[in-house]
C-alpha atoms as a PDB file:
ATOM      1  CA  MET A   1     -23.097 -24.987 -16.277  1.00  0.00           C
ATOM      2  CA  PRO A   2     -20.661 -22.140 -15.389  1.00  0.00           C
ATOM      3  CA  ASP A   3     -20.504 -21.006 -11.789  1.00  0.00           C
ATOM      4  CA  GLU A   4     -21.589 -17.337 -11.832  1.00  0.00           C
ATOM      5  CA  ASN A   5     -19.938 -16.702  -8.452  1.00  0.00           C
ATOM      6  CA  ARG A   6     -16.452 -17.777  -9.587  1.00  0.00           C
ATOM      7  CA  PHE A   7     -13.823 -15.090  -9.956  1.00  0.00           C
ATOM      8  CA  ASP A   8     -12.711 -14.522 -13.531  1.00  0.00           C
ATOM      9  CA  PRO A   9      -9.219 -12.953 -13.471  1.00  0.00           C
ATOM     10  CA  SER A  10      -9.692 -11.605 -16.995  1.00  0.00           C
ATOM     11  CA  GLN A  11     -12.453  -9.308 -15.743  1.00  0.00           C
ATOM     12  CA  ARG A  12     -10.746  -6.592 -13.739  1.00  0.00           C
ATOM     13  CA  PRO A  13     -12.833  -4.050 -11.852  1.00  0.00           C
ATOM     14  CA  GLU A  14     -12.915  -0.603 -13.374  1.00  0.00           C
ATOM     15  CA  ILE A  15     -11.274   1.944 -11.095  1.00  0.00           C
ATOM     16  CA  THR A  16     -11.697   5.654 -11.666  1.00  0.00           C
ATOM     17  CA  TYR A  17      -8.655   7.751 -10.781  1.00  0.00           C
ATOM     18  CA  PRO A  18      -7.799   9.655  -8.728  1.00  0.00           C
ATOM     19  CA  THR A  19      -9.007   7.363  -5.964  1.00  0.00           C
ATOM     20  CA  GLU A  20      -8.320   6.720  -2.317  1.00  0.00           C
ATOM     21  CA  TRP A  21      -6.322   3.496  -1.893  1.00  0.00           C
ATOM     22  CA  SER A  22      -5.262   1.545   1.171  1.00  0.00           C
ATOM     23  CA  PHE A  23      -2.209  -0.629   1.693  1.00  0.00           C
ATOM     24  CA  LYS A  24      -1.219  -2.665   4.716  1.00  0.00           C
ATOM     25  CA  VAL A  25       2.513  -2.970   5.400  1.00  0.00           C
ATOM     26  CA  ILE A  26       3.893  -5.610   7.754  1.00  0.00           C
ATOM     27  CA  GLY A  27       7.306  -5.747   9.385  1.00  0.00           C
ATOM     28  CA  THR A  28       9.104  -6.211  12.665  1.00  0.00           C
ATOM     29  CA  ASP A  29       9.717  -2.617  13.809  1.00  0.00           C
ATOM     30  CA  GLU A  30       7.129   0.185  13.714  1.00  0.00           C
ATOM     31  CA  GLU A  31       9.621   3.052  13.366  1.00  0.00           C
ATOM     32  CA  ASP A  32      11.476   1.264  10.536  1.00  0.00           C
ATOM     33  CA  LEU A  33       8.158   0.728   8.754  1.00  0.00           C
ATOM     34  CA  ARG A  34       7.153   4.375   9.130  1.00  0.00           C
ATOM     35  CA  ARG A  35      10.516   5.546   7.778  1.00  0.00           C
ATOM     36  CA  ALA A  36      10.355   3.105   4.830  1.00  0.00           C
ATOM     37  CA  VAL A  37       6.820   4.259   3.924  1.00  0.00           C
ATOM     38  CA  THR A  38       7.792   7.945   4.079  1.00  0.00           C
ATOM     39  CA  ILE A  39      10.835   7.419   1.842  1.00  0.00           C
ATOM     40  CA  THR A  40       8.901   5.234  -0.606  1.00  0.00           C
ATOM     41  CA  LEU A  41       6.124   7.806  -1.007  1.00  0.00           C
ATOM     42  CA  ALA A  42       8.668  10.581  -1.598  1.00  0.00           C
ATOM     43  CA  VAL A  43      10.154   8.525  -4.426  1.00  0.00           C
ATOM     44  CA  CYS A  44       7.040   6.950  -5.969  1.00  0.00           C
ATOM     45  CA  LEU A  45       4.376   9.650  -5.941  1.00  0.00           C
ATOM     46  CA  ASP A  46       4.021  11.965  -8.911  1.00  0.00           C
ATOM     47  CA  ARG A  47       6.108  14.983  -7.919  1.00  0.00           C
ATOM     48  CA  ASP A  48       4.186  17.303 -10.241  1.00  0.00           C
ATOM     49  CA  SER A  49       1.051  16.772  -8.146  1.00  0.00           C
ATOM     50  CA  GLY A  50       2.537  18.509  -5.116  1.00  0.00           C
ATOM     51  CA  GLU A  51       2.635  17.161  -1.609  1.00  0.00           C
ATOM     52  CA  ARG A  52      -0.253  14.852  -0.814  1.00  0.00           C
ATOM     53  CA  PRO A  53      -1.504  14.005   2.628  1.00  0.00           C
ATOM     54  CA  TYR A  54      -1.654  10.386   3.652  1.00  0.00           C
ATOM     55  CA  GLU A  55      -2.740   8.471   6.708  1.00  0.00           C
ATOM     56  CA  LEU A  56      -0.358   5.989   8.327  1.00  0.00           C
ATOM     57  CA  ALA A  57      -1.721   4.311  11.442  1.00  0.00           C
ATOM     58  CA  LEU A  58      -0.847   1.344  13.581  1.00  0.00           C
ATOM     59  CA  SER A  59      -3.146  -1.446  12.533  1.00  0.00           C
ATOM     60  CA  ARG A  60      -2.076  -4.387  14.653  1.00  0.00           C
ATOM     61  CA  THR A  61       0.749  -5.951  16.642  1.00  0.00           C
ATOM     62  CA  SER A  62       1.134  -9.724  16.716  1.00  0.00           C
ATOM     63  CA  GLY A  63       0.417 -11.571  19.958  1.00  0.00           C
ATOM     64  CA  ARG A  64       4.094 -12.109  20.699  1.00  0.00           C
ATOM     65  CA  GLY A  65       5.067  -8.661  19.454  1.00  0.00           C
ATOM     66  CA  ASN A  66       7.258 -10.019  16.650  1.00  0.00           C
ATOM     67  CA  TYR A  67       5.321  -8.302  13.867  1.00  0.00           C
ATOM     68  CA  VAL A  68       3.520  -5.030  13.451  1.00  0.00           C
ATOM     69  CA  SER A  69       1.250  -3.825  10.658  1.00  0.00           C
ATOM     70  CA  LEU A  70       0.496  -0.278   9.587  1.00  0.00           C
ATOM     71  CA  GLY A  71      -2.417   0.883   7.468  1.00  0.00           C
ATOM     72  CA  LEU A  72      -1.506   3.383   4.750  1.00  0.00           C
ATOM     73  CA  THR A  73      -4.278   5.324   3.019  1.00  0.00           C
ATOM     74  CA  LEU A  74      -3.668   7.923   0.324  1.00  0.00           C
ATOM     75  CA  THR A  75      -5.046   9.240  -2.929  1.00  0.00           C
ATOM     76  CA  VAL A  76      -3.390   7.733  -6.001  1.00  0.00           C
ATOM     77  CA  LEU A  77      -3.658   9.505  -9.332  1.00  0.00           C
ATOM     78  CA  SER A  78      -3.327   6.519 -11.662  1.00  0.00           C
ATOM     79  CA  GLU A  79      -2.922   2.761 -11.834  1.00  0.00           C
ATOM     80  CA  ALA A  80       0.751   3.267 -12.666  1.00  0.00           C
ATOM     81  CA  GLU A  81       1.242   5.348  -9.529  1.00  0.00           C
ATOM     82  CA  ARG A  82      -0.649   2.803  -7.394  1.00  0.00           C
ATOM     83  CA  ASP A  83       1.514  -0.005  -8.787  1.00  0.00           C
ATOM     84  CA  ALA A  84       4.695   2.044  -8.242  1.00  0.00           C
ATOM     85  CA  VAL A  85       3.818   2.605  -4.587  1.00  0.00           C
ATOM     86  CA  PHE A  86       3.040  -1.094  -4.092  1.00  0.00           C
ATOM     87  CA  THR A  87       6.286  -2.171  -5.761  1.00  0.00           C
ATOM     88  CA  GLY A  88       8.308   0.455  -3.911  1.00  0.00           C
ATOM     89  CA  LEU A  89       6.928  -0.711  -0.576  1.00  0.00           C
ATOM     90  CA  ALA A  90       7.455  -4.377  -1.424  1.00  0.00           C
ATOM     91  CA  ASP A  91      11.095  -3.682  -2.358  1.00  0.00           C
ATOM     92  CA  CYS A  92      11.918  -2.171   1.061  1.00  0.00           C
ATOM     93  CA  PRO A  93      13.931  -4.601   3.197  1.00  0.00           C
ATOM     94  CA  GLU A  94      12.183  -3.309   6.348  1.00  0.00           C
ATOM     95  CA  ILE A  95       8.797  -4.348   4.968  1.00  0.00           C
ATOM     96  CA  ARG A  96       8.120  -8.063   5.070  1.00  0.00           C
ATOM     97  CA  MET A  97       4.774  -7.955   3.249  1.00  0.00           C
ATOM     98  CA  VAL A  98       2.455  -5.504   1.491  1.00  0.00           C
ATOM     99  CA  ILE A  99      -1.250  -6.180   1.119  1.00  0.00           C
END
């Protein structure tokens, strides 16, 4: 008997765009992270849509202070744009991880 609670990766949730999306970026220096996010958004967001506001807030600092995470929330216009932002953030050397 199939387990109805198991995740089936072939069934992706339907997302209606534009939509508000949140990312968490993790690195070692807050200012470097903020700069990397700002540059990435300037490159990856659809320029024809005009300037879009976004929220970038300190989320957490590790107990020893070695790592810091920032929460980024913005409106993305399409799956392609959402994926471009994720990839752009992940490619930044200042950013250790994107969730």
